PDB file of N, CA and C in Angstrom:
ATOM      1  N   MET A   1      61.278-159.697  98.926  1.00  0.00           N
ATOM      2  CA  MET A   1      61.246-160.874  99.951  1.00  0.00           C
ATOM      3  C   MET A   1      61.858-162.013  99.241  1.00  0.00           C
ATOM      4  N   ASN A   2      62.585-162.894  99.976  1.00  0.00           N
ATOM      5  CA  ASN A   2      63.165-163.987  99.422  1.00  0.00           C
ATOM      6  C   ASN A   2      62.116-165.087  99.135  1.00  0.00           C
ATOM      7  N   LYS A   3      62.376-165.898  98.046  1.00  0.00           N
ATOM      8  CA  LYS A   3      61.461-166.893  97.693  1.00  0.00           C
ATOM      9  C   LYS A   3      61.883-168.116  98.683  1.00  0.00           C
ATOM     10  N   LEU A   4      60.867-168.788  99.244  1.00  0.00           N
ATOM     11  CA  LEU A   4      61.012-169.909 100.013  1.00  0.00           C
ATOM     12  C   LEU A   4      60.704-171.213  99.209  1.00  0.00           C
ATOM     13  N   ASP A   5      61.466-172.285  99.462  1.00  0.00           N
ATOM     14  CA  ASP A   5      61.022-173.567  98.903  1.00  0.00           C
ATOM     15  C   ASP A   5      59.966-174.066  99.756  1.00  0.00           C
ATOM     16  N   GLN A   6      59.259-175.210  99.320  1.00  0.00           N
ATOM     17  CA  GLN A   6      58.149-175.865 100.032  1.00  0.00           C
ATOM     18  C   GLN A   6      58.411-176.041 101.435  1.00  0.00           C
ATOM     19  N   GLU A   7      59.563-176.687 101.748  1.00  0.00           N
ATOM     20  CA  GLU A   7      59.876-177.103 103.103  1.00  0.00           C
ATOM     21  C   GLU A   7      60.064-175.868 103.891  1.00  0.00           C
ATOM     22  N   GLU A   8      60.791-174.814 103.496  1.00  0.00           N
ATOM     23  CA  GLU A   8      60.957-173.553 104.214  1.00  0.00           C
ATOM     24  C   GLU A   8      59.588-172.918 104.491  1.00  0.00           C
ATOM     25  N   GLN A   9      58.645-172.880 103.495  1.00  0.00           N
ATOM     26  CA  GLN A   9      57.441-172.353 103.692  1.00  0.00           C
ATOM     27  C   GLN A   9      56.588-173.041 104.746  1.00  0.00           C
ATOM     28  N   GLU A  10      56.655-174.440 104.774  1.00  0.00           N
ATOM     29  CA  GLU A  10      55.962-175.277 105.750  1.00  0.00           C
ATOM     30  C   GLU A  10      56.411-174.851 107.160  1.00  0.00           C
ATOM     31  N   ILE A  11      57.781-174.766 107.307  1.00  0.00           N
ATOM     32  CA  ILE A  11      58.372-174.390 108.613  1.00  0.00           C
ATOM     33  C   ILE A  11      57.904-173.034 109.090  1.00  0.00           C
ATOM     34  N   LEU A  12      57.942-172.024 108.140  1.00  0.00           N
ATOM     35  CA  LEU A  12      57.411-170.708 108.547  1.00  0.00           C
ATOM     36  C   LEU A  12      55.918-170.699 108.858  1.00  0.00           C
ATOM     37  N   ASP A  13      55.177-171.441 108.105  1.00  0.00           N
ATOM     38  CA  ASP A  13      53.697-171.485 108.407  1.00  0.00           C
ATOM     39  C   ASP A  13      53.561-172.092 109.755  1.00  0.00           C
ATOM     40  N   ALA A  14      54.239-173.079 110.064  1.00  0.00           N
ATOM     41  CA  ALA A  14      54.158-173.821 111.472  1.00  0.00           C
ATOM     42  C   ALA A  14      54.534-172.899 112.542  1.00  0.00           C
ATOM     43  N   PHE A  15      55.616-172.170 112.225  1.00  0.00           N
ATOM     44  CA  PHE A  15      56.075-171.239 113.301  1.00  0.00           C
ATOM     45  C   PHE A  15      55.066-170.009 113.528  1.00  0.00           C
ATOM     46  N   GLU A  16      54.548-169.491 112.395  1.00  0.00           N
ATOM     47  CA  GLU A  16      53.677-168.381 112.584  1.00  0.00           C
ATOM     48  C   GLU A  16      52.252-168.787 113.154  1.00  0.00           C
ATOM     49  N   SER A  17      51.961-170.060 113.054  1.00  0.00           N
ATOM     50  CA  SER A  17      50.629-170.488 113.611  1.00  0.00           C
ATOM     51  C   SER A  17      50.831-171.255 114.954  1.00  0.00           C
ATOM     52  N   ASP A  18      52.008-171.066 115.555  1.00  0.00           N
ATOM     53  CA  ASP A  18      52.338-171.630 116.910  1.00  0.00           C
ATOM     54  C   ASP A  18      52.177-173.135 117.024  1.00  0.00           C
ATOM     55  N   GLN A  19      52.469-173.889 115.889  1.00  0.00           N
ATOM     56  CA  GLN A  19      52.447-175.287 115.830  1.00  0.00           C
ATOM     57  C   GLN A  19      53.702-175.933 116.336  1.00  0.00           C
ATOM     58  N   LEU A  20      54.735-175.306 116.424  1.00  0.00           N
ATOM     59  CA  LEU A  20      56.045-175.851 116.621  1.00  0.00           C
ATOM     60  C   LEU A  20      56.221-176.030 118.192  1.00  0.00           C
ATOM     61  N   THR A  21      56.890-177.099 118.612  1.00  0.00           N
ATOM     62  CA  THR A  21      57.051-177.225 120.069  1.00  0.00           C
ATOM     63  C   THR A  21      58.571-177.444 120.288  1.00  0.00           C
ATOM     64  N   ARG A  22      59.073-177.048 121.473  1.00  0.00           N
ATOM     65  CA  ARG A  22      60.428-177.281 121.800  1.00  0.00           C
ATOM     66  C   ARG A  22      60.812-178.704 122.153  1.00  0.00           C
ATOM     67  N   SER A  23      61.971-179.099 121.790  1.00  0.00           N
ATOM     68  CA  SER A  23      62.497-180.492 122.192  1.00  0.00           C
ATOM     69  C   SER A  23      62.702-180.489 123.730  1.00  0.00           C
ATOM     70  N   ALA A  24      62.785-181.783 124.307  1.00  0.00           N
ATOM     71  CA  ALA A  24      62.963-181.825 125.623  1.00  0.00           C
ATOM     72  C   ALA A  24      64.329-181.253 126.071  1.00  0.00           C
ATOM     73  N   ASN A  25      65.350-181.267 125.259  1.00  0.00           N
ATOM     74  CA  ASN A  25      66.619-180.707 125.597  1.00  0.00           C
ATOM     75  C   ASN A  25      67.043-179.561 124.763  1.00  0.00           C
ATOM     76  N   TRP A  26      66.057-178.736 124.538  1.00  0.00           N
ATOM     77  CA  TRP A  26      66.171-177.548 123.783  1.00  0.00           C
ATOM     78  C   TRP A  26      67.368-176.536 124.113  1.00  0.00           C
ATOM     79  N   GLN A  27      67.469-176.541 125.392  1.00  0.00           N
ATOM     80  CA  GLN A  27      68.616-175.578 125.904  1.00  0.00           C
ATOM     81  C   GLN A  27      69.932-176.083 125.614  1.00  0.00           C
ATOM     82  N   GLU A  28      70.257-177.383 125.612  1.00  0.00           N
ATOM     83  CA  GLU A  28      71.545-178.084 125.291  1.00  0.00           C
ATOM     84  C   GLU A  28      71.731-177.812 123.768  1.00  0.00           C
ATOM     85  N   GLU A  29      70.697-178.080 122.970  1.00  0.00           N
ATOM     86  CA  GLU A  29      70.734-177.970 121.486  1.00  0.00           C
ATOM     87  C   GLU A  29      71.083-176.555 121.134  1.00  0.00           C
ATOM     88  N   LEU A  30      70.455-175.576 121.794  1.00  0.00           N
ATOM     89  CA  LEU A  30      70.656-174.130 121.582  1.00  0.00           C
ATOM     90  C   LEU A  30      72.134-173.804 121.813  1.00  0.00           C
ATOM     91  N   GLU A  31      72.753-174.272 122.881  1.00  0.00           N
ATOM     92  CA  GLU A  31      74.060-174.042 123.219  1.00  0.00           C
ATOM     93  C   GLU A  31      74.965-174.667 122.320  1.00  0.00           C
ATOM     94  N   GLN A  32      74.643-175.925 121.809  1.00  0.00           N
ATOM     95  CA  GLN A  32      75.526-176.515 120.860  1.00  0.00           C
ATOM     96  C   GLN A  32      75.532-175.805 119.515  1.00  0.00           C
ATOM     97  N   HIS A  33      74.303-175.289 119.114  1.00  0.00           N
ATOM     98  CA  HIS A  33      74.267-174.538 117.867  1.00  0.00           C
ATOM     99  C   HIS A  33      74.987-173.138 118.078  1.00  0.00           C
ATOM    100  N   ARG A  34      74.953-172.572 119.135  1.00  0.00           N
ATOM    101  CA  ARG A  34      75.729-171.374 119.383  1.00  0.00           C
ATOM    102  C   ARG A  34      77.241-171.485 119.256  1.00  0.00           C
ATOM    103  N   LYS A  35      77.623-172.496 119.779  1.00  0.00           N
ATOM    104  CA  LYS A  35      79.099-172.932 119.696  1.00  0.00           C
ATOM    105  C   LYS A  35      79.558-173.246 118.285  1.00  0.00           C
ATOM    106  N   ILE A  36      78.665-173.890 117.513  1.00  0.00           N
ATOM    107  CA  ILE A  36      78.943-174.136 116.092  1.00  0.00           C
ATOM    108  C   ILE A  36      79.075-172.860 115.359  1.00  0.00           C
ATOM    109  N   ALA A  37      77.992-172.045 115.571  1.00  0.00           N
ATOM    110  CA  ALA A  37      77.974-170.705 114.859  1.00  0.00           C
ATOM    111  C   ALA A  37      79.114-169.850 115.106  1.00  0.00           C
ATOM    112  N   SER A  38      79.439-169.842 116.459  1.00  0.00           N
ATOM    113  CA  SER A  38      80.733-169.073 116.911  1.00  0.00           C
ATOM    114  C   SER A  38      81.961-169.555 116.288  1.00  0.00           C
ATOM    115  N   ALA A  39      82.155-170.847 116.250  1.00  0.00           N
ATOM    116  CA  ALA A  39      83.326-171.478 115.526  1.00  0.00           C
ATOM    117  C   ALA A  39      83.387-171.317 114.011  1.00  0.00           C
ATOM    118  N   THR A  40      82.235-171.343 113.421  1.00  0.00           N
ATOM    119  CA  THR A  40      82.053-171.158 112.027  1.00  0.00           C
ATOM    120  C   THR A  40      82.553-169.641 111.671  1.00  0.00           C
ATOM    121  N   LEU A  41      81.993-168.698 112.360  1.00  0.00           N
ATOM    122  CA  LEU A  41      82.273-167.366 112.182  1.00  0.00           C
ATOM    123  C   LEU A  41      83.612-166.801 112.559  1.00  0.00           C
ATOM    124  N   SER A  42      84.293-167.575 113.359  1.00  0.00           N
ATOM    125  CA  SER A  42      85.734-167.254 113.682  1.00  0.00           C
ATOM    126  C   SER A  42      86.803-167.802 112.948  1.00  0.00           C
ATOM    127  N   GLN A  43      86.346-168.768 111.949  1.00  0.00           N
ATOM    128  CA  GLN A  43      87.428-169.376 111.179  1.00  0.00           C
ATOM    129  C   GLN A  43      87.840-168.445 109.947  1.00  0.00           C
ATOM    130  N   ASN A  44      89.045-168.348 109.754  1.00  0.00           N
ATOM    131  CA  ASN A  44      89.524-167.612 108.570  1.00  0.00           C
ATOM    132  C   ASN A  44      89.475-168.565 107.288  1.00  0.00           C
ATOM    133  N   SER A  45      89.245-167.934 106.228  1.00  0.00           N
ATOM    134  CA  SER A  45      89.234-168.689 104.980  1.00  0.00           C
ATOM    135  C   SER A  45      90.142-168.055 103.926  1.00  0.00           C
ATOM    136  N   THR A  46      90.756-168.779 103.133  1.00  0.00           N
ATOM    137  CA  THR A  46      91.599-168.295 102.108  1.00  0.00           C
ATOM    138  C   THR A  46      90.876-168.132 100.794  1.00  0.00           C
ATOM    139  N   ILE A  47      91.007-167.047 100.020  1.00  0.00           N
ATOM    140  CA  ILE A  47      90.536-166.853  98.794  1.00  0.00           C
ATOM    141  C   ILE A  47      91.697-166.472  97.770  1.00  0.00           C
ATOM    142  N   SER A  48      91.242-166.678  96.515  1.00  0.00           N
ATOM    143  CA  SER A  48      92.232-166.311  95.457  1.00  0.00           C
ATOM    144  C   SER A  48      91.667-165.204  94.670  1.00  0.00           C
ATOM    145  N   VAL A  49      92.441-164.189  94.504  1.00  0.00           N
ATOM    146  CA  VAL A  49      91.881-163.061  93.683  1.00  0.00           C
ATOM    147  C   VAL A  49      92.967-162.663  92.665  1.00  0.00           C
ATOM    148  N   SER A  50      92.625-162.438  91.535  1.00  0.00           N
ATOM    149  CA  SER A  50      93.530-161.905  90.397  1.00  0.00           C
ATOM    150  C   SER A  50      93.564-160.472  90.482  1.00  0.00           C
ATOM    151  N   VAL A  51      94.758-159.886  90.608  1.00  0.00           N
ATOM    152  CA  VAL A  51      94.943-158.366  90.412  1.00  0.00           C
ATOM    153  C   VAL A  51      96.061-158.095  89.494  1.00  0.00           C
ATOM    154  N   SER A  52      95.924-157.019  88.944  1.00  0.00           N
ATOM    155  CA  SER A  52      97.054-156.626  88.015  1.00  0.00           C
ATOM    156  C   SER A  52      98.381-156.377  88.706  1.00  0.00           C
ATOM    157  N   GLU A  53      99.473-156.595  88.031  1.00  0.00           N
ATOM    158  CA  GLU A  53     100.808-156.423  88.688  1.00  0.00           C
ATOM    159  C   GLU A  53     100.874-155.106  89.203  1.00  0.00           C
ATOM    160  N   LYS A  54     100.353-154.019  88.453  1.00  0.00           N
ATOM    161  CA  LYS A  54     100.489-152.684  89.018  1.00  0.00           C
ATOM    162  C   LYS A  54      99.795-152.498  90.335  1.00  0.00           C
ATOM    163  N   ASP A  55      98.548-153.044  90.426  1.00  0.00           N
ATOM    164  CA  ASP A  55      97.826-152.964  91.586  1.00  0.00           C
ATOM    165  C   ASP A  55      98.470-153.685  92.818  1.00  0.00           C
ATOM    166  N   LEU A  56      99.070-154.837  92.498  1.00  0.00           N
ATOM    167  CA  LEU A  56      99.722-155.524  93.525  1.00  0.00           C
ATOM    168  C   LEU A  56     100.887-154.876  94.065  1.00  0.00           C
ATOM    169  N   ARG A  57     101.741-154.232  93.223  1.00  0.00           N
ATOM    170  CA  ARG A  57     102.857-153.433  93.633  1.00  0.00           C
ATOM    171  C   ARG A  57     102.455-152.230  94.369  1.00  0.00           C
ATOM    172  N   LEU A  58     101.300-151.677  94.108  1.00  0.00           N
ATOM    173  CA  LEU A  58     100.850-150.514  94.976  1.00  0.00           C
ATOM    174  C   LEU A  58     100.317-151.038  96.289  1.00  0.00           C
ATOM    175  N   LEU A  59      99.565-152.137  96.263  1.00  0.00           N
ATOM    176  CA  LEU A  59      99.170-152.733  97.466  1.00  0.00           C
ATOM    177  C   LEU A  59     100.337-153.122  98.515  1.00  0.00           C
ATOM    178  N   GLN A  60     101.333-153.608  97.817  1.00  0.00           N
ATOM    179  CA  GLN A  60     102.517-153.985  98.645  1.00  0.00           C
ATOM    180  C   GLN A  60     103.273-152.731  99.186  1.00  0.00           C
ATOM    181  N   LYS A  61     103.306-151.778  98.435  1.00  0.00           N
ATOM    182  CA  LYS A  61     103.881-150.424  98.840  1.00  0.00           C
ATOM    183  C   LYS A  61     103.205-149.888  99.978  1.00  0.00           C
ATOM    184  N   ARG A  62     101.783-149.834  99.868  1.00  0.00           N
ATOM    185  CA  ARG A  62     100.959-149.233 100.864  1.00  0.00           C
ATOM    186  C   ARG A  62     100.938-150.120 102.160  1.00  0.00           C
ATOM    187  N   ALA A  63     101.070-151.475 102.056  1.00  0.00           N
ATOM    188  CA  ALA A  63     101.037-152.331 103.181  1.00  0.00           C
ATOM    189  C   ALA A  63     102.385-152.017 103.958  1.00  0.00           C
ATOM    190  N   LEU A  64     103.520-151.950 103.199  1.00  0.00           N
ATOM    191  CA  LEU A  64     104.844-151.712 103.835  1.00  0.00           C
ATOM    192  C   LEU A  64     104.792-150.427 104.611  1.00  0.00           C
ATOM    193  N   ALA A  65     104.160-149.397 103.990  1.00  0.00           N
ATOM    194  CA  ALA A  65     103.983-148.151 104.767  1.00  0.00           C
ATOM    195  C   ALA A  65     103.237-148.260 106.045  1.00  0.00           C
ATOM    196  N   GLU A  66     102.232-149.208 106.036  1.00  0.00           N
ATOM    197  CA  GLU A  66     101.389-149.410 107.188  1.00  0.00           C
ATOM    198  C   GLU A  66     102.031-150.423 108.181  1.00  0.00           C
ATOM    199  N   GLY A  67     103.063-151.039 107.832  1.00  0.00           N
ATOM    200  CA  GLY A  67     103.841-152.008 108.589  1.00  0.00           C
ATOM    201  C   GLY A  67     102.975-153.323 108.655  1.00  0.00           C
ATOM    202  N   LEU A  68     102.406-153.614 107.587  1.00  0.00           N
ATOM    203  CA  LEU A  68     101.747-154.971 107.440  1.00  0.00           C
ATOM    204  C   LEU A  68     102.150-155.651 106.360  1.00  0.00           C
ATOM    205  N   SER A  69     101.904-156.986 106.363  1.00  0.00           N
ATOM    206  CA  SER A  69     102.140-157.855 105.115  1.00  0.00           C
ATOM    207  C   SER A  69     101.060-157.406 104.164  1.00  0.00           C
ATOM    208  N   TYR A  70     101.216-157.601 102.828  1.00  0.00           N
ATOM    209  CA  TYR A  70     100.203-157.210 101.995  1.00  0.00           C
ATOM    210  C   TYR A  70      98.933-158.088 102.048  1.00  0.00           C
ATOM    211  N   PRO A  71      99.042-159.384 102.415  1.00  0.00           N
ATOM    212  CA  PRO A  71      97.775-160.160 102.586  1.00  0.00           C
ATOM    213  C   PRO A  71      96.968-159.617 103.907  1.00  0.00           C
ATOM    214  N   SER A  72      97.563-159.195 104.829  1.00  0.00           N
ATOM    215  CA  SER A  72      96.990-158.643 106.075  1.00  0.00           C
ATOM    216  C   SER A  72      96.475-157.318 105.717  1.00  0.00           C
ATOM    217  N   PHE A  73      97.181-156.553 104.941  1.00  0.00           N
ATOM    218  CA  PHE A  73      96.597-155.227 104.545  1.00  0.00           C
ATOM    219  C   PHE A  73      95.311-155.398 103.647  1.00  0.00           C
ATOM    220  N   ILE A  74      95.290-156.322 102.681  1.00  0.00           N
ATOM    221  CA  ILE A  74      94.121-156.606 101.841  1.00  0.00           C
ATOM    222  C   ILE A  74      92.958-157.060 102.727  1.00  0.00           C
ATOM    223  N   SER A  75      93.266-157.947 103.810  1.00  0.00           N
ATOM    224  CA  SER A  75      92.252-158.414 104.655  1.00  0.00           C
ATOM    225  C   SER A  75      91.725-157.265 105.373  1.00  0.00           C
ATOM    226  N   SER A  76      92.565-156.315 105.930  1.00  0.00           N
ATOM    227  CA  SER A  76      92.013-155.232 106.645  1.00  0.00           C
ATOM    228  C   SER A  76      91.256-154.270 105.802  1.00  0.00           C
ATOM    229  N   ILE A  77      91.652-153.979 104.566  1.00  0.00           N
ATOM    230  CA  ILE A  77      90.874-153.166 103.631  1.00  0.00           C
ATOM    231  C   ILE A  77      89.396-153.827 103.442  1.00  0.00           C
ATOM    232  N   LEU A  78      89.362-155.053 103.168  1.00  0.00           N
ATOM    233  CA  LEU A  78      88.082-155.820 102.902  1.00  0.00           C
ATOM    234  C   LEU A  78      87.175-155.758 104.260  1.00  0.00           C
ATOM    235  N   HIS A  79      87.832-155.830 105.400  1.00  0.00           N
ATOM    236  CA  HIS A  79      86.998-155.936 106.701  1.00  0.00           C
ATOM    237  C   HIS A  79      86.475-154.443 106.879  1.00  0.00           C
ATOM    238  N   LYS A  80      87.348-153.448 106.705  1.00  0.00           N
ATOM    239  CA  LYS A  80      86.802-152.056 106.853  1.00  0.00           C
ATOM    240  C   LYS A  80      85.682-151.839 105.808  1.00  0.00           C
ATOM    241  N   PHE A  81      85.862-152.280 104.571  1.00  0.00           N
ATOM    242  CA  PHE A  81      84.735-151.948 103.594  1.00  0.00           C
ATOM    243  C   PHE A  81      83.406-152.730 103.990  1.00  0.00           C
ATOM    244  N   ILE A  82      83.478-153.878 104.478  1.00  0.00           N
ATOM    245  CA  ILE A  82      82.185-154.541 104.770  1.00  0.00           C
ATOM    246  C   ILE A  82      81.617-154.055 106.011  1.00  0.00           C
ATOM    247  N   GLU A  83      82.405-153.439 106.881  1.00  0.00           N
ATOM    248  CA  GLU A  83      81.914-152.789 108.137  1.00  0.00           C
ATOM    249  C   GLU A  83      81.410-151.394 107.886  1.00  0.00           C
ATOM    250  N   GLY A  84      81.645-150.823 106.689  1.00  0.00           N
ATOM    251  CA  GLY A  84      81.289-149.403 106.342  1.00  0.00           C
ATOM    252  C   GLY A  84      82.252-148.458 106.974  1.00  0.00           C
ATOM    253  N   LYS A  85      83.495-148.899 107.242  1.00  0.00           N
ATOM    254  CA  LYS A  85      84.439-147.930 107.887  1.00  0.00           C
ATOM    255  C   LYS A  85      85.657-147.737 106.973  1.00  0.00           C
ATOM    256  N   LEU A  86      85.508-148.046 105.722  1.00  0.00           N
ATOM    257  CA  LEU A  86      86.629-147.714 104.799  1.00  0.00           C
ATOM    258  C   LEU A  86      86.599-146.282 104.442  1.00  0.00           C
ATOM    259  N   VAL A  87      87.731-145.481 104.818  1.00  0.00           N
ATOM    260  CA  VAL A  87      87.748-144.063 104.432  1.00  0.00           C
ATOM    261  C   VAL A  87      88.840-143.972 103.393  1.00  0.00           C
ATOM    262  N   GLU A  88      88.597-143.292 102.404  1.00  0.00           N
ATOM    263  CA  GLU A  88      89.492-142.989 101.278  1.00  0.00           C
ATOM    264  C   GLU A  88      90.430-141.904 101.671  1.00  0.00           C
ATOM    265  N   ILE A  89      91.731-142.190 101.503  1.00  0.00           N
ATOM    266  CA  ILE A  89      92.733-141.025 101.762  1.00  0.00           C
ATOM    267  C   ILE A  89      93.332-140.691 100.367  1.00  0.00           C
ATOM    268  N   SER A  90      93.725-139.535 100.400  1.00  0.00           N
ATOM    269  CA  SER A  90      94.381-138.984  99.210  1.00  0.00           C
ATOM    270  C   SER A  90      95.908-138.703  99.271  1.00  0.00           C
TER     271      SER A  90
END
Protein backbone atom coordinates (compact mmCIF):
# COMPACT_ATOMS: atom_id res chain seq x y z
CA MET A 1 0.00 0.00 0.00
CA ASN A 2 1.15 3.54 -0.71
CA LYS A 3 2.41 5.65 2.16
CA LEU A 4 0.23 8.67 2.79
CA ASP A 5 1.47 11.97 4.14
CA GLN A 6 -0.28 13.50 7.16
CA GLU A 7 -2.73 15.59 5.12
CA GLU A 8 -3.65 12.66 2.88
CA GLN A 9 -4.21 10.44 5.91
CA GLU A 10 -6.46 13.06 7.53
CA ILE A 11 -8.54 13.28 4.36
CA LEU A 12 -8.81 9.49 4.14
CA ASP A 13 -9.79 9.23 7.80
CA ALA A 14 -12.46 11.93 7.38
CA PHE A 15 -13.83 10.18 4.29
CA GLU A 16 -13.94 6.77 5.94
CA SER A 17 -15.72 8.18 9.02
CA ASP A 18 -18.32 10.06 6.91
CA GLN A 19 -17.16 13.45 8.20
CA LEU A 20 -16.92 15.02 4.75
CA THR A 21 -19.76 17.11 3.34
CA ARG A 22 -20.44 18.24 -0.20
CA SER A 23 -20.10 21.86 -1.16
CA ALA A 24 -23.23 23.72 -2.20
CA ASN A 25 -22.20 23.69 -5.87
CA TRP A 26 -20.61 20.24 -5.93
CA GLN A 27 -22.16 19.29 -9.28
CA GLU A 28 -20.61 22.30 -11.01
CA GLU A 29 -17.24 21.59 -9.39
CA LEU A 30 -17.44 17.95 -10.43
CA GLU A 31 -18.14 18.91 -14.04
CA GLN A 32 -15.27 21.40 -14.01
CA HIS A 33 -12.87 18.74 -12.69
CA ARG A 34 -14.08 16.27 -15.33
CA LYS A 35 -13.35 18.80 -18.07
CA ILE A 36 -9.89 19.49 -16.65
CA ALA A 37 -9.10 15.78 -16.39
CA SER A 38 -10.31 15.14 -19.92
CA ALA A 39 -8.25 18.01 -21.33
CA THR A 40 -5.19 16.87 -19.41
CA LEU A 41 -5.44 13.31 -20.65
CA SER A 42 -6.04 14.31 -24.25
CA GLN A 43 -2.94 16.50 -24.54
CA ASN A 44 0.08 15.13 -26.34
CA SER A 45 3.49 15.56 -24.78
CA THR A 46 6.90 15.56 -26.34
CA ILE A 47 9.66 13.42 -24.91
CA SER A 48 13.30 13.02 -25.81
CA VAL A 49 14.78 9.53 -25.95
CA SER A 50 18.27 8.52 -26.97
CA VAL A 51 18.50 5.48 -29.23
CA SER A 52 21.40 4.00 -31.10
CA GLU A 53 21.85 4.93 -34.75
CA LYS A 54 21.26 1.31 -35.71
CA ASP A 55 17.96 1.17 -33.80
CA LEU A 56 16.86 4.48 -35.28
CA ARG A 57 17.55 3.27 -38.82
CA LEU A 58 15.59 0.09 -38.13
CA LEU A 59 12.70 2.08 -36.65
CA GLN A 60 12.67 4.36 -39.67
CA LYS A 61 12.72 1.37 -42.02
CA ARG A 62 9.85 -0.35 -40.18
CA ALA A 63 7.87 2.91 -40.02
CA LEU A 64 8.26 3.39 -43.77
CA ALA A 65 6.95 -0.14 -44.35
CA GLU A 66 3.94 0.69 -42.15
CA GLY A 67 3.35 3.97 -44.01
CA LEU A 68 4.00 6.08 -40.92
CA SER A 69 6.52 8.68 -39.90
CA TYR A 70 8.97 7.21 -37.44
CA PRO A 71 7.77 9.43 -34.53
CA SER A 72 4.19 8.25 -35.17
CA PHE A 73 5.41 4.67 -35.41
CA ILE A 74 7.27 4.94 -32.08
CA SER A 75 4.19 6.51 -30.48
CA SER A 76 2.08 3.65 -31.81
CA ILE A 77 4.49 1.06 -30.40
CA LEU A 78 4.45 2.73 -26.97
CA HIS A 79 0.67 2.98 -26.96
CA LYS A 80 0.26 -0.67 -27.88
CA PHE A 81 2.76 -1.67 -25.19
CA ILE A 82 1.02 0.19 -22.37
CA GLU A 83 -2.35 -1.17 -23.51
CA GLY A 84 -0.94 -4.71 -23.45
CA LYS A 85 -1.60 -5.10 -27.17
CA LEU A 86 1.96 -5.14 -28.47
CA VAL A 87 2.46 -8.30 -30.48
CA GLU A 88 5.94 -9.32 -31.52
CA ILE A 89 6.31 -10.25 -35.18
CA SER A 90 9.23 -12.05 -36.65
